[in-house]
Amino acid sequence: MIRHTVAFRLRHAPGSDEERQFLKAALALADIPGVERFEQLRQTSPKNDFRFGFSMEFADQTAYTNYNEHPVHTGFVAERWLTEVEDFLEIDYEPLD
């Protein structure tokens, strides 16, 4: 299992229509084959400047690779992520044995 996580800050004003539209558009990622347990998260702590997070799981490396190469994902990155995300931190985890 691979848990893919990303914490990020948008260029949009907090609570704006643009912020809501970005998060709504990102829900399409959950429908990509192989994506399990997709979550959109809001930061509740002042420990960093990231306001949101996405988390999802994949059964194996093949499922994760297929997600990364899927046209819905690559299109979202090109059309929304690269232009609307100010900063981010991506971490991919595998459970320890």
C-alpha atoms as a PDB file:
ATOM      1  CA  MET A   1       0.000   0.000   0.000  1.00  0.00           C
ATOM      2  CA  ILE A   2       1.148   3.521  -0.813  1.00  0.00           C
ATOM      3  CA  ARG A   3      -0.356   6.570   0.891  1.00  0.00           C
ATOM      4  CA  HIS A   4       0.053   9.662  -1.265  1.00  0.00           C
ATOM      5  CA  THR A   5      -0.271  12.956   0.618  1.00  0.00           C
ATOM      6  CA  VAL A   6       0.152  16.566  -0.333  1.00  0.00           C
ATOM      7  CA  ALA A   7      -0.128  19.668   1.840  1.00  0.00           C
ATOM      8  CA  PHE A   8      -0.579  22.939  -0.015  1.00  0.00           C
ATOM      9  CA  ARG A   9      -1.434  26.624  -0.015  1.00  0.00           C
ATOM     10  CA  LEU A  10      -3.523  28.165  -2.786  1.00  0.00           C
ATOM     11  CA  ARG A  11      -3.003  31.559  -4.395  1.00  0.00           C
ATOM     12  CA  HIS A  12      -6.679  32.324  -3.822  1.00  0.00           C
ATOM     13  CA  ALA A  13      -8.118  34.262  -0.924  1.00  0.00           C
ATOM     14  CA  PRO A  14      -9.367  32.030   1.903  1.00  0.00           C
ATOM     15  CA  GLY A  15     -13.068  31.284   1.497  1.00  0.00           C
ATOM     16  CA  SER A  16     -13.174  32.660  -2.052  1.00  0.00           C
ATOM     17  CA  ASP A  17     -15.159  31.205  -4.939  1.00  0.00           C
ATOM     18  CA  GLU A  18     -11.857  30.390  -6.628  1.00  0.00           C
ATOM     19  CA  GLU A  19     -10.748  28.352  -3.632  1.00  0.00           C
ATOM     20  CA  ARG A  20     -14.055  26.442  -3.599  1.00  0.00           C
ATOM     21  CA  GLN A  21     -13.870  25.828  -7.360  1.00  0.00           C
ATOM     22  CA  PHE A  22     -10.336  24.431  -7.091  1.00  0.00           C
ATOM     23  CA  LEU A  23     -11.333  22.023  -4.328  1.00  0.00           C
ATOM     24  CA  LYS A  24     -14.438  20.962  -6.240  1.00  0.00           C
ATOM     25  CA  ALA A  25     -12.392  20.318  -9.394  1.00  0.00           C
ATOM     26  CA  ALA A  26      -9.924  18.217  -7.391  1.00  0.00           C
ATOM     27  CA  LEU A  27     -12.699  15.769  -6.475  1.00  0.00           C
ATOM     28  CA  ALA A  28     -12.288  14.318  -9.987  1.00  0.00           C
ATOM     29  CA  LEU A  29      -9.025  12.760  -8.770  1.00  0.00           C
ATOM     30  CA  ALA A  30     -11.023  10.403  -6.545  1.00  0.00           C
ATOM     31  CA  ASP A  31     -12.616   8.804  -9.612  1.00  0.00           C
ATOM     32  CA  ILE A  32      -9.322   7.754 -11.188  1.00  0.00           C
ATOM     33  CA  PRO A  33      -9.040   3.952 -11.174  1.00  0.00           C
ATOM     34  CA  GLY A  34      -6.860   2.716  -8.328  1.00  0.00           C
ATOM     35  CA  VAL A  35      -7.483   5.681  -6.014  1.00  0.00           C
ATOM     36  CA  GLU A  36      -8.710   4.551  -2.605  1.00  0.00           C
ATOM     37  CA  ARG A  37      -9.667   6.547   0.498  1.00  0.00           C
ATOM     38  CA  PHE A  38      -9.408   9.975  -1.148  1.00  0.00           C
ATOM     39  CA  GLU A  39      -9.728  12.817   1.352  1.00  0.00           C
ATOM     40  CA  GLN A  40      -9.593  16.579   1.173  1.00  0.00           C
ATOM     41  CA  LEU A  41      -8.319  18.043   4.439  1.00  0.00           C
ATOM     42  CA  ARG A  42      -8.134  21.483   6.046  1.00  0.00           C
ATOM     43  CA  GLN A  43      -5.211  22.464   8.275  1.00  0.00           C
ATOM     44  CA  THR A  44      -6.276  23.161  11.856  1.00  0.00           C
ATOM     45  CA  SER A  45      -2.904  24.076  13.340  1.00  0.00           C
ATOM     46  CA  PRO A  46      -0.760  27.212  13.001  1.00  0.00           C
ATOM     47  CA  LYS A  47       2.414  25.062  12.798  1.00  0.00           C
ATOM     48  CA  ASN A  48       2.835  25.731   9.058  1.00  0.00           C
ATOM     49  CA  ASP A  49       1.411  27.854   6.249  1.00  0.00           C
ATOM     50  CA  PHE A  50      -0.283  25.043   4.336  1.00  0.00           C
ATOM     51  CA  ARG A  51      -4.086  25.391   4.450  1.00  0.00           C
ATOM     52  CA  PHE A  52      -5.204  22.171   2.754  1.00  0.00           C
ATOM     53  CA  GLY A  53      -4.204  18.606   2.158  1.00  0.00           C
ATOM     54  CA  PHE A  54      -5.144  15.706  -0.076  1.00  0.00           C
ATOM     55  CA  SER A  55      -4.618  12.120   0.990  1.00  0.00           C
ATOM     56  CA  MET A  56      -5.255   8.929  -0.960  1.00  0.00           C
ATOM     57  CA  GLU A  57      -4.117   5.339  -0.997  1.00  0.00           C
ATOM     58  CA  PHE A  58      -3.046   2.914  -3.716  1.00  0.00           C
ATOM     59  CA  ALA A  59      -2.834  -0.866  -3.497  1.00  0.00           C
ATOM     60  CA  ASP A  60       0.642  -0.955  -5.047  1.00  0.00           C
ATOM     61  CA  GLN A  61       3.225   0.882  -7.152  1.00  0.00           C
ATOM     62  CA  THR A  62       1.431  -0.013 -10.398  1.00  0.00           C
ATOM     63  CA  ALA A  63      -1.793   1.638  -9.226  1.00  0.00           C
ATOM     64  CA  TYR A  64       0.166   4.720  -8.122  1.00  0.00           C
ATOM     65  CA  THR A  65       2.041   4.933 -11.421  1.00  0.00           C
ATOM     66  CA  ASN A  66      -1.215   4.583 -13.358  1.00  0.00           C
ATOM     67  CA  TYR A  67      -2.704   7.427 -11.313  1.00  0.00           C
ATOM     68  CA  ASN A  68       0.267   9.684 -12.006  1.00  0.00           C
ATOM     69  CA  GLU A  69      -0.018   9.020 -15.736  1.00  0.00           C
ATOM     70  CA  HIS A  70      -3.819   9.170 -15.959  1.00  0.00           C
ATOM     71  CA  PRO A  71      -5.120  12.028 -18.165  1.00  0.00           C
ATOM     72  CA  VAL A  72      -7.447  13.322 -15.426  1.00  0.00           C
ATOM     73  CA  HIS A  73      -4.461  13.693 -13.085  1.00  0.00           C
ATOM     74  CA  THR A  74      -2.064  15.155 -15.651  1.00  0.00           C
ATOM     75  CA  GLY A  75      -4.792  17.522 -16.868  1.00  0.00           C
ATOM     76  CA  PHE A  76      -5.592  18.693 -13.329  1.00  0.00           C
ATOM     77  CA  VAL A  77      -1.907  19.325 -12.638  1.00  0.00           C
ATOM     78  CA  ALA A  78      -1.409  21.255 -15.892  1.00  0.00           C
ATOM     79  CA  GLU A  79      -4.654  23.229 -15.845  1.00  0.00           C
ATOM     80  CA  ARG A  80      -5.209  23.881 -12.139  1.00  0.00           C
ATOM     81  CA  TRP A  81      -2.346  22.828  -9.852  1.00  0.00           C
ATOM     82  CA  LEU A  82       0.525  24.626 -11.597  1.00  0.00           C
ATOM     83  CA  THR A  83      -1.378  27.910 -11.841  1.00  0.00           C
ATOM     84  CA  GLU A  84      -3.352  27.945  -8.571  1.00  0.00           C
ATOM     85  CA  VAL A  85      -1.081  26.353  -5.951  1.00  0.00           C
ATOM     86  CA  GLU A  86       1.338  28.735  -4.255  1.00  0.00           C
ATOM     87  CA  ASP A  87       3.417  26.136  -2.402  1.00  0.00           C
ATOM     88  CA  PHE A  88       3.179  22.458  -1.492  1.00  0.00           C
ATOM     89  CA  LEU A  89       4.836  19.502   0.172  1.00  0.00           C
ATOM     90  CA  GLU A  90       4.267  16.025  -1.263  1.00  0.00           C
ATOM     91  CA  ILE A  91       5.014  12.870   0.723  1.00  0.00           C
ATOM     92  CA  ASP A  92       4.377   9.268  -0.294  1.00  0.00           C
ATOM     93  CA  TYR A  93       4.422   6.610   2.428  1.00  0.00           C
ATOM     94  CA  GLU A  94       4.536   2.838   2.631  1.00  0.00           C
ATOM     95  CA  PRO A  95       3.764   1.123   5.937  1.00  0.00           C
ATOM     96  CA  LEU A  96       6.688  -0.262   7.903  1.00  0.00           C
ATOM     97  CA  ASP A  97       6.689  -4.020   8.352  1.00  0.00           C
END
